[in-house]
Amino acid sequence: MGTLSFRTASKPGLFLGLVMLVAGGAVIAWPPEILVHHPTIRPSAFSETKRVEAVTQGRARFYGGCLVAAGVFIGLFSLYAPRHEQP
C-alpha cells in the first residue's frame, strides 16, 4: 500500500501537478475572454473549415477549476502511487 512520501514520489509528476495548479489558479484569478478557433478535420458542405468558440469569463473559471482539480489529482497520485525506494 502506498504512502504519501516525497522521497519516493515522482518528481516530474509533482512538477506537472504544481504547474497545472498554478496555471489553473491564474485562470481563476484573472479569467480571460477569448475566441478559440477549432479547425475541423472534415468540414461539411454547410460549415466553415474553422469553428469559433467564445470563451466567457465564467467558462474560463470553469476550465481553470478543472485544471486545478487535475493538478491536485496528479500531484497526489505522484505522492501516493506505490513505488520502490531508490537506493
PDB file of N, CA and C in Angstrom:
ATOM      1  N   MET A   1       0.845  -1.171   0.000  1.00  0.00           N
ATOM      2  CA  MET A   1       0.000   0.000   0.000  1.00  0.00           C
ATOM      3  C   MET A   1       0.892   1.236   0.000  1.00  0.00           C
ATOM      4  N   GLY A   2       0.546   2.230  -0.785  1.00  0.00           N
ATOM      5  CA  GLY A   2       1.364   3.427  -0.901  1.00  0.00           C
ATOM      6  C   GLY A   2       1.147   4.394   0.246  1.00  0.00           C
ATOM      7  N   THR A   3       2.131   5.204   0.477  1.00  0.00           N
ATOM      8  CA  THR A   3       2.034   6.254   1.490  1.00  0.00           C
ATOM      9  C   THR A   3       2.410   7.575   0.847  1.00  0.00           C
ATOM     10  N   LEU A   4       2.017   8.661   1.474  1.00  0.00           N
ATOM     11  CA  LEU A   4       2.376   9.979   0.968  1.00  0.00           C
ATOM     12  C   LEU A   4       3.814  10.268   1.370  1.00  0.00           C
ATOM     13  N   SER A   5       4.732  10.076   0.444  1.00  0.00           N
ATOM     14  CA  SER A   5       6.146  10.255   0.738  1.00  0.00           C
ATOM     15  C   SER A   5       6.796  11.049  -0.380  1.00  0.00           C
ATOM     16  N   PHE A   6       7.453  12.155  -0.013  1.00  0.00           N
ATOM     17  CA  PHE A   6       8.127  12.965  -1.019  1.00  0.00           C
ATOM     18  C   PHE A   6       9.357  12.246  -1.549  1.00  0.00           C
ATOM     19  N   ARG A   7       9.991  11.436  -0.703  1.00  0.00           N
ATOM     20  CA  ARG A   7      11.230  10.767  -1.110  1.00  0.00           C
ATOM     21  C   ARG A   7      11.001   9.773  -2.240  1.00  0.00           C
ATOM     22  N   THR A   8       9.900   9.047  -2.201  1.00  0.00           N
ATOM     23  CA  THR A   8       9.611   8.064  -3.245  1.00  0.00           C
ATOM     24  C   THR A   8       8.648   8.603  -4.298  1.00  0.00           C
ATOM     25  N   ALA A   9       8.322   9.874  -4.238  1.00  0.00           N
ATOM     26  CA  ALA A   9       7.356  10.459  -5.175  1.00  0.00           C
ATOM     27  C   ALA A   9       7.989  10.666  -6.545  1.00  0.00           C
ATOM     28  N   SER A  10       7.146  10.738  -7.546  1.00  0.00           N
ATOM     29  CA  SER A  10       7.581  11.043  -8.903  1.00  0.00           C
ATOM     30  C   SER A  10       7.781  12.553  -9.009  1.00  0.00           C
ATOM     31  N   LYS A  11       9.025  12.980  -9.139  1.00  0.00           N
ATOM     32  CA  LYS A  11       9.317  14.419  -9.183  1.00  0.00           C
ATOM     33  C   LYS A  11       8.730  15.097 -10.426  1.00  0.00           C
ATOM     34  N   PRO A  12       8.820  14.491 -11.631  1.00  0.00           N
ATOM     35  CA  PRO A  12       8.158  15.127 -12.779  1.00  0.00           C
ATOM     36  C   PRO A  12       6.645  15.229 -12.605  1.00  0.00           C
ATOM     37  N   GLY A  13       6.037  14.224 -11.976  1.00  0.00           N
ATOM     38  CA  GLY A  13       4.599  14.278 -11.727  1.00  0.00           C
ATOM     39  C   GLY A  13       4.232  15.392 -10.767  1.00  0.00           C
ATOM     40  N   LEU A  14       5.048  15.564  -9.721  1.00  0.00           N
ATOM     41  CA  LEU A  14       4.811  16.666  -8.779  1.00  0.00           C
ATOM     42  C   LEU A  14       4.965  18.014  -9.467  1.00  0.00           C
ATOM     43  N   PHE A  15       5.983  18.135 -10.321  1.00  0.00           N
ATOM     44  CA  PHE A  15       6.206  19.395 -11.036  1.00  0.00           C
ATOM     45  C   PHE A  15       5.037  19.697 -11.971  1.00  0.00           C
ATOM     46  N   LEU A  16       4.588  18.684 -12.719  1.00  0.00           N
ATOM     47  CA  LEU A  16       3.456  18.878 -13.628  1.00  0.00           C
ATOM     48  C   LEU A  16       2.194  19.261 -12.861  1.00  0.00           C
ATOM     49  N   GLY A  17       1.942  18.586 -11.739  1.00  0.00           N
ATOM     50  CA  GLY A  17       0.777  18.922 -10.924  1.00  0.00           C
ATOM     51  C   GLY A  17       0.841  20.339 -10.393  1.00  0.00           C
ATOM     52  N   LEU A  18       2.037  20.768  -9.953  1.00  0.00           N
ATOM     53  CA  LEU A  18       2.200  22.129  -9.440  1.00  0.00           C
ATOM     54  C   LEU A  18       1.995  23.166 -10.539  1.00  0.00           C
ATOM     55  N   VAL A  19       2.533  22.908 -11.728  1.00  0.00           N
ATOM     56  CA  VAL A  19       2.357  23.844 -12.848  1.00  0.00           C
ATOM     57  C   VAL A  19       0.881  23.959 -13.222  1.00  0.00           C
ATOM     58  N   MET A  20       0.176  22.827 -13.266  1.00  0.00           N
ATOM     59  CA  MET A  20      -1.250  22.859 -13.591  1.00  0.00           C
ATOM     60  C   MET A  20      -2.044  23.583 -12.512  1.00  0.00           C
ATOM     61  N   LEU A  21      -1.678  23.380 -11.253  1.00  0.00           N
ATOM     62  CA  LEU A  21      -2.352  24.048 -10.144  1.00  0.00           C
ATOM     63  C   LEU A  21      -2.168  25.562 -10.229  1.00  0.00           C
ATOM     64  N   VAL A  22      -0.949  26.011 -10.483  1.00  0.00           N
ATOM     65  CA  VAL A  22      -0.669  27.453 -10.569  1.00  0.00           C
ATOM     66  C   VAL A  22      -1.352  28.063 -11.794  1.00  0.00           C
ATOM     67  N   ALA A  23      -1.287  27.374 -12.941  1.00  0.00           N
ATOM     68  CA  ALA A  23      -1.922  27.898 -14.155  1.00  0.00           C
ATOM     69  C   ALA A  23      -3.441  27.980 -13.993  1.00  0.00           C
ATOM     70  N   GLY A  24      -4.040  26.958 -13.406  1.00  0.00           N
ATOM     71  CA  GLY A  24      -5.488  26.989 -13.168  1.00  0.00           C
ATOM     72  C   GLY A  24      -5.878  28.080 -12.196  1.00  0.00           C
ATOM     73  N   GLY A  25      -5.070  28.276 -11.159  1.00  0.00           N
ATOM     74  CA  GLY A  25      -5.326  29.362 -10.211  1.00  0.00           C
ATOM     75  C   GLY A  25      -5.239  30.726 -10.869  1.00  0.00           C
ATOM     76  N   ALA A  26      -4.277  30.883 -11.793  1.00  0.00           N
ATOM     77  CA  ALA A  26      -4.149  32.155 -12.513  1.00  0.00           C
ATOM     78  C   ALA A  26      -5.356  32.398 -13.412  1.00  0.00           C
ATOM     79  N   VAL A  27      -5.861  31.342 -14.044  1.00  0.00           N
ATOM     80  CA  VAL A  27      -7.045  31.495 -14.902  1.00  0.00           C
ATOM     81  C   VAL A  27      -8.267  31.848 -14.064  1.00  0.00           C
ATOM     82  N   ILE A  28      -8.369  31.271 -12.866  1.00  0.00           N
ATOM     83  CA  ILE A  28      -9.493  31.604 -11.986  1.00  0.00           C
ATOM     84  C   ILE A  28      -9.377  33.043 -11.492  1.00  0.00           C
ATOM     85  N   ALA A  29      -8.160  33.468 -11.136  1.00  0.00           N
ATOM     86  CA  ALA A  29      -7.964  34.819 -10.602  1.00  0.00           C
ATOM     87  C   ALA A  29      -8.143  35.890 -11.673  1.00  0.00           C
ATOM     88  N   TRP A  30      -7.619  35.644 -12.871  1.00  0.00           N
ATOM     89  CA  TRP A  30      -7.699  36.614 -13.967  1.00  0.00           C
ATOM     90  C   TRP A  30      -8.285  35.930 -15.189  1.00  0.00           C
ATOM     91  N   PRO A  31      -9.618  35.713 -15.217  1.00  0.00           N
ATOM     92  CA  PRO A  31     -10.220  34.970 -16.331  1.00  0.00           C
ATOM     93  C   PRO A  31     -10.221  35.787 -17.622  1.00  0.00           C
ATOM     94  N   PRO A  32      -9.683  35.209 -18.694  1.00  0.00           N
ATOM     95  CA  PRO A  32      -9.689  35.935 -19.971  1.00  0.00           C
ATOM     96  C   PRO A  32     -10.995  35.705 -20.729  1.00  0.00           C
ATOM     97  N   GLU A  33     -11.348  36.648 -21.566  1.00  0.00           N
ATOM     98  CA  GLU A  33     -12.437  36.454 -22.528  1.00  0.00           C
ATOM     99  C   GLU A  33     -11.772  36.376 -23.887  1.00  0.00           C
ATOM    100  N   ILE A  34     -11.793  35.197 -24.484  1.00  0.00           N
ATOM    101  CA  ILE A  34     -11.073  34.995 -25.740  1.00  0.00           C
ATOM    102  C   ILE A  34     -11.943  34.242 -26.733  1.00  0.00           C
ATOM    103  N   LEU A  35     -11.526  34.286 -27.988  1.00  0.00           N
ATOM    104  CA  LEU A  35     -12.130  33.479 -29.042  1.00  0.00           C
ATOM    105  C   LEU A  35     -11.144  32.375 -29.391  1.00  0.00           C
ATOM    106  N   VAL A  36     -11.617  31.143 -29.372  1.00  0.00           N
ATOM    107  CA  VAL A  36     -10.774  29.997 -29.699  1.00  0.00           C
ATOM    108  C   VAL A  36     -11.233  29.450 -31.039  1.00  0.00           C
ATOM    109  N   HIS A  37     -10.298  29.293 -31.964  1.00  0.00           N
ATOM    110  CA  HIS A  37     -10.601  28.756 -33.290  1.00  0.00           C
ATOM    111  C   HIS A  37     -10.257  27.271 -33.306  1.00  0.00           C
ATOM    112  N   HIS A  38     -11.270  26.432 -33.562  1.00  0.00           N
ATOM    113  CA  HIS A  38     -11.074  24.986 -33.633  1.00  0.00           C
ATOM    114  C   HIS A  38     -11.110  24.572 -35.102  1.00  0.00           C
ATOM    115  N   PRO A  39      -9.978  24.157 -35.662  1.00  0.00           N
ATOM    116  CA  PRO A  39     -10.021  23.685 -37.053  1.00  0.00           C
ATOM    117  C   PRO A  39     -10.727  22.334 -37.132  1.00  0.00           C
ATOM    118  N   THR A  40     -11.521  22.150 -38.166  1.00  0.00           N
ATOM    119  CA  THR A  40     -12.225  20.882 -38.346  1.00  0.00           C
ATOM    120  C   THR A  40     -11.452  20.019 -39.332  1.00  0.00           C
ATOM    121  N   ILE A  41     -11.503  18.728 -39.123  1.00  0.00           N
ATOM    122  CA  ILE A  41     -10.755  17.816 -39.988  1.00  0.00           C
ATOM    123  C   ILE A  41     -11.496  17.600 -41.298  1.00  0.00           C
ATOM    124  N   ARG A  42     -12.782  17.293 -41.191  1.00  0.00           N
ATOM    125  CA  ARG A  42     -13.589  17.064 -42.391  1.00  0.00           C
ATOM    126  C   ARG A  42     -14.789  17.996 -42.369  1.00  0.00           C
ATOM    127  N   PRO A  43     -14.662  19.181 -42.924  1.00  0.00           N
ATOM    128  CA  PRO A  43     -15.806  20.100 -42.907  1.00  0.00           C
ATOM    129  C   PRO A  43     -16.910  19.616 -43.844  1.00  0.00           C
ATOM    130  N   SER A  44     -18.132  19.877 -43.451  1.00  0.00           N
ATOM    131  CA  SER A  44     -19.260  19.522 -44.312  1.00  0.00           C
ATOM    132  C   SER A  44     -19.474  20.637 -45.330  1.00  0.00           C
ATOM    133  N   ALA A  45     -20.405  20.418 -46.219  1.00  0.00           N
ATOM    134  CA  ALA A  45     -20.676  21.412 -47.255  1.00  0.00           C
ATOM    135  C   ALA A  45     -21.311  22.671 -46.676  1.00  0.00           C
ATOM    136  N   PHE A  46     -21.914  22.572 -45.497  1.00  0.00           N
ATOM    137  CA  PHE A  46     -22.631  23.701 -44.923  1.00  0.00           C
ATOM    138  C   PHE A  46     -21.875  24.394 -43.795  1.00  0.00           C
ATOM    139  N   SER A  47     -20.655  23.958 -43.507  1.00  0.00           N
ATOM    140  CA  SER A  47     -19.915  24.587 -42.412  1.00  0.00           C
ATOM    141  C   SER A  47     -18.577  25.108 -42.913  1.00  0.00           C
ATOM    142  N   GLU A  48     -17.993  25.945 -42.113  1.00  0.00           N
ATOM    143  CA  GLU A  48     -16.697  26.503 -42.463  1.00  0.00           C
ATOM    144  C   GLU A  48     -15.597  25.555 -42.007  1.00  0.00           C
ATOM    145  N   THR A  49     -14.367  25.856 -42.386  1.00  0.00           N
ATOM    146  CA  THR A  49     -13.258  24.982 -42.002  1.00  0.00           C
ATOM    147  C   THR A  49     -12.802  25.239 -40.572  1.00  0.00           C
ATOM    148  N   LYS A  50     -13.227  26.342 -39.972  1.00  0.00           N
ATOM    149  CA  LYS A  50     -12.887  26.624 -38.579  1.00  0.00           C
ATOM    150  C   LYS A  50     -14.150  26.928 -37.796  1.00  0.00           C
ATOM    151  N   ARG A  51     -14.218  26.375 -36.596  1.00  0.00           N
ATOM    152  CA  ARG A  51     -15.332  26.643 -35.700  1.00  0.00           C
ATOM    153  C   ARG A  51     -14.814  27.565 -34.608  1.00  0.00           C
ATOM    154  N   VAL A  52     -15.547  28.611 -34.297  1.00  0.00           N
ATOM    155  CA  VAL A  52     -15.114  29.596 -33.311  1.00  0.00           C
ATOM    156  C   VAL A  52     -15.915  29.406 -32.030  1.00  0.00           C
ATOM    157  N   GLU A  53     -15.198  29.353 -30.912  1.00  0.00           N
ATOM    158  CA  GLU A  53     -15.831  29.233 -29.594  1.00  0.00           C
ATOM    159  C   GLU A  53     -15.510  30.494 -28.801  1.00  0.00           C
ATOM    160  N   ALA A  54     -16.529  31.152 -28.297  1.00  0.00           N
ATOM    161  CA  ALA A  54     -16.334  32.326 -27.451  1.00  0.00           C
ATOM    162  C   ALA A  54     -16.241  31.857 -26.003  1.00  0.00           C
ATOM    163  N   VAL A  55     -15.063  32.013 -25.405  1.00  0.00           N
ATOM    164  CA  VAL A  55     -14.848  31.608 -24.015  1.00  0.00           C
ATOM    165  C   VAL A  55     -15.124  32.818 -23.130  1.00  0.00           C
ATOM    166  N   THR A  56     -16.202  32.746 -22.355  1.00  0.00           N
ATOM    167  CA  THR A  56     -16.555  33.836 -21.446  1.00  0.00           C
ATOM    168  C   THR A  56     -15.749  33.707 -20.156  1.00  0.00           C
ATOM    169  N   GLN A  57     -15.857  34.707 -19.284  1.00  0.00           N
ATOM    170  CA  GLN A  57     -15.124  34.657 -18.016  1.00  0.00           C
ATOM    171  C   GLN A  57     -15.613  33.507 -17.137  1.00  0.00           C
ATOM    172  N   GLY A  58     -16.903  33.241 -17.147  1.00  0.00           N
ATOM    173  CA  GLY A  58     -17.435  32.128 -16.359  1.00  0.00           C
ATOM    174  C   GLY A  58     -16.916  30.781 -16.840  1.00  0.00           C
ATOM    175  N   ARG A  59     -16.884  30.604 -18.150  1.00  0.00           N
ATOM    176  CA  ARG A  59     -16.375  29.352 -18.694  1.00  0.00           C
ATOM    177  C   ARG A  59     -14.869  29.233 -18.476  1.00  0.00           C
ATOM    178  N   ALA A  60     -14.155  30.356 -18.545  1.00  0.00           N
ATOM    179  CA  ALA A  60     -12.715  30.332 -18.269  1.00  0.00           C
ATOM    180  C   ALA A  60     -12.456  29.925 -16.821  1.00  0.00           C
ATOM    181  N   ARG A  61     -13.288  30.409 -15.898  1.00  0.00           N
ATOM    182  CA  ARG A  61     -13.149  29.997 -14.492  1.00  0.00           C
ATOM    183  C   ARG A  61     -13.430  28.503 -14.335  1.00  0.00           C
ATOM    184  N   PHE A  62     -14.406  27.984 -15.070  1.00  0.00           N
ATOM    185  CA  PHE A  62     -14.692  26.548 -15.036  1.00  0.00           C
ATOM    186  C   PHE A  62     -13.498  25.752 -15.545  1.00  0.00           C
ATOM    187  N   TYR A  63     -12.923  26.170 -16.680  1.00  0.00           N
ATOM    188  CA  TYR A  63     -11.746  25.483 -17.214  1.00  0.00           C
ATOM    189  C   TYR A  63     -10.577  25.576 -16.234  1.00  0.00           C
ATOM    190  N   GLY A  64     -10.415  26.730 -15.588  1.00  0.00           N
ATOM    191  CA  GLY A  64      -9.364  26.884 -14.584  1.00  0.00           C
ATOM    192  C   GLY A  64      -9.581  25.964 -13.396  1.00  0.00           C
ATOM    193  N   GLY A  65     -10.832  25.820 -12.959  1.00  0.00           N
ATOM    194  CA  GLY A  65     -11.143  24.908 -11.860  1.00  0.00           C
ATOM    195  C   GLY A  65     -10.847  23.460 -12.224  1.00  0.00           C
ATOM    196  N   CYS A  66     -11.151  23.085 -13.466  1.00  0.00           N
ATOM    197  CA  CYS A  66     -10.819  21.729 -13.923  1.00  0.00           C
ATOM    198  C   CYS A  66      -9.312  21.523 -13.947  1.00  0.00           C
ATOM    199  N   LEU A  67      -8.570  22.549 -14.340  1.00  0.00           N
ATOM    200  CA  LEU A  67      -7.110  22.461 -14.362  1.00  0.00           C
ATOM    201  C   LEU A  67      -6.548  22.338 -12.955  1.00  0.00           C
ATOM    202  N   VAL A  68      -7.111  23.084 -12.004  1.00  0.00           N
ATOM    203  CA  VAL A  68      -6.680  22.975 -10.602  1.00  0.00           C
ATOM    204  C   VAL A  68      -6.964  21.570 -10.078  1.00  0.00           C
ATOM    205  N   ALA A  69      -8.156  21.047 -10.352  1.00  0.00           N
ATOM    206  CA  ALA A  69      -8.508  19.702  -9.882  1.00  0.00           C
ATOM    207  C   ALA A  69      -7.584  18.648 -10.486  1.00  0.00           C
ATOM    208  N   ALA A  70      -7.279  18.774 -11.770  1.00  0.00           N
ATOM    209  CA  ALA A  70      -6.370  17.821 -12.411  1.00  0.00           C
ATOM    210  C   ALA A  70      -4.967  17.929 -11.825  1.00  0.00           C
ATOM    211  N   GLY A  71      -4.515  19.156 -11.541  1.00  0.00           N
ATOM    212  CA  GLY A  71      -3.198  19.336 -10.938  1.00  0.00           C
ATOM    213  C   GLY A  71      -3.105  18.726  -9.555  1.00  0.00           C
ATOM    214  N   VAL A  72      -4.155  18.900  -8.752  1.00  0.00           N
ATOM    215  CA  VAL A  72      -4.175  18.298  -7.413  1.00  0.00           C
ATOM    216  C   VAL A  72      -4.177  16.778  -7.529  1.00  0.00           C
ATOM    217  N   PHE A  73      -4.974  16.241  -8.441  1.00  0.00           N
ATOM    218  CA  PHE A  73      -5.033  14.791  -8.622  1.00  0.00           C
ATOM    219  C   PHE A  73      -3.674  14.233  -9.046  1.00  0.00           C
ATOM    220  N   ILE A  74      -3.034  14.868 -10.024  1.00  0.00           N
ATOM    221  CA  ILE A  74      -1.731  14.382 -10.493  1.00  0.00           C
ATOM    222  C   ILE A  74      -0.685  14.497  -9.394  1.00  0.00           C
ATOM    223  N   GLY A  75      -0.709  15.604  -8.646  1.00  0.00           N
ATOM    224  CA  GLY A  75       0.241  15.763  -7.543  1.00  0.00           C
ATOM    225  C   GLY A  75       0.055  14.716  -6.465  1.00  0.00           C
ATOM    226  N   LEU A  76      -1.190  14.473  -6.060  1.00  0.00           N
ATOM    227  CA  LEU A  76      -1.448  13.453  -5.037  1.00  0.00           C
ATOM    228  C   LEU A  76      -1.138  12.052  -5.542  1.00  0.00           C
ATOM    229  N   PHE A  77      -1.442  11.785  -6.793  1.00  0.00           N
ATOM    230  CA  PHE A  77      -1.117  10.480  -7.357  1.00  0.00           C
ATOM    231  C   PHE A  77       0.392  10.276  -7.408  1.00  0.00           C
ATOM    232  N   SER A  78       1.136  11.338  -7.720  1.00  0.00           N
ATOM    233  CA  SER A  78       2.595  11.239  -7.751  1.00  0.00           C
ATOM    234  C   SER A  78       3.160  10.980  -6.362  1.00  0.00           C
ATOM    235  N   LEU A  79       2.518  11.529  -5.342  1.00  0.00           N
ATOM    236  CA  LEU A  79       2.970  11.288  -3.966  1.00  0.00           C
ATOM    237  C   LEU A  79       2.551   9.915  -3.454  1.00  0.00           C
ATOM    238  N   TYR A  80       1.368   9.466  -3.823  1.00  0.00           N
ATOM    239  CA  TYR A  80       0.774   8.289  -3.201  1.00  0.00           C
ATOM    240  C   TYR A  80       1.074   6.983  -3.928  1.00  0.00           C
ATOM    241  N   ALA A  81       1.293   7.028  -5.232  1.00  0.00           N
ATOM    242  CA  ALA A  81       1.448   5.796  -6.004  1.00  0.00           C
ATOM    243  C   ALA A  81       2.586   4.955  -5.442  1.00  0.00           C
ATOM    244  N   PRO A  82       2.338   3.665  -5.198  1.00  0.00           N
ATOM    245  CA  PRO A  82       3.387   2.828  -4.610  1.00  0.00           C
ATOM    246  C   PRO A  82       4.568   2.658  -5.558  1.00  0.00           C
ATOM    247  N   ARG A  83       5.749   2.927  -5.043  1.00  0.00           N
ATOM    248  CA  ARG A  83       6.984   2.805  -5.809  1.00  0.00           C
ATOM    249  C   ARG A  83       8.034   2.151  -4.933  1.00  0.00           C
ATOM    250  N   HIS A  84       9.029   1.615  -5.565  1.00  0.00           N
ATOM    251  CA  HIS A  84      10.160   1.062  -4.818  1.00  0.00           C
ATOM    252  C   HIS A  84      11.097   2.199  -4.459  1.00  0.00           C
ATOM    253  N   GLU A  85      11.649   2.157  -3.284  1.00  0.00           N
ATOM    254  CA  GLU A  85      12.567   3.214  -2.861  1.00  0.00           C
ATOM    255  C   GLU A  85      13.850   3.134  -3.667  1.00  0.00           C
ATOM    256  N   GLN A  86      14.362   4.290  -4.035  1.00  0.00           N
ATOM    257  CA  GLN A  86      15.607   4.379  -4.790  1.00  0.00           C
ATOM    258  C   GLN A  86      16.786   4.285  -3.828  1.00  0.00           C
ATOM    259  N   PRO A  87      17.814   3.518  -4.151  1.00  0.00           N
ATOM    260  CA  PRO A  87      18.974   3.440  -3.236  1.00  0.00           C
ATOM    261  C   PRO A  87      19.803   4.701  -3.255  1.00  0.00           C
TER     262      PRO A  87
END
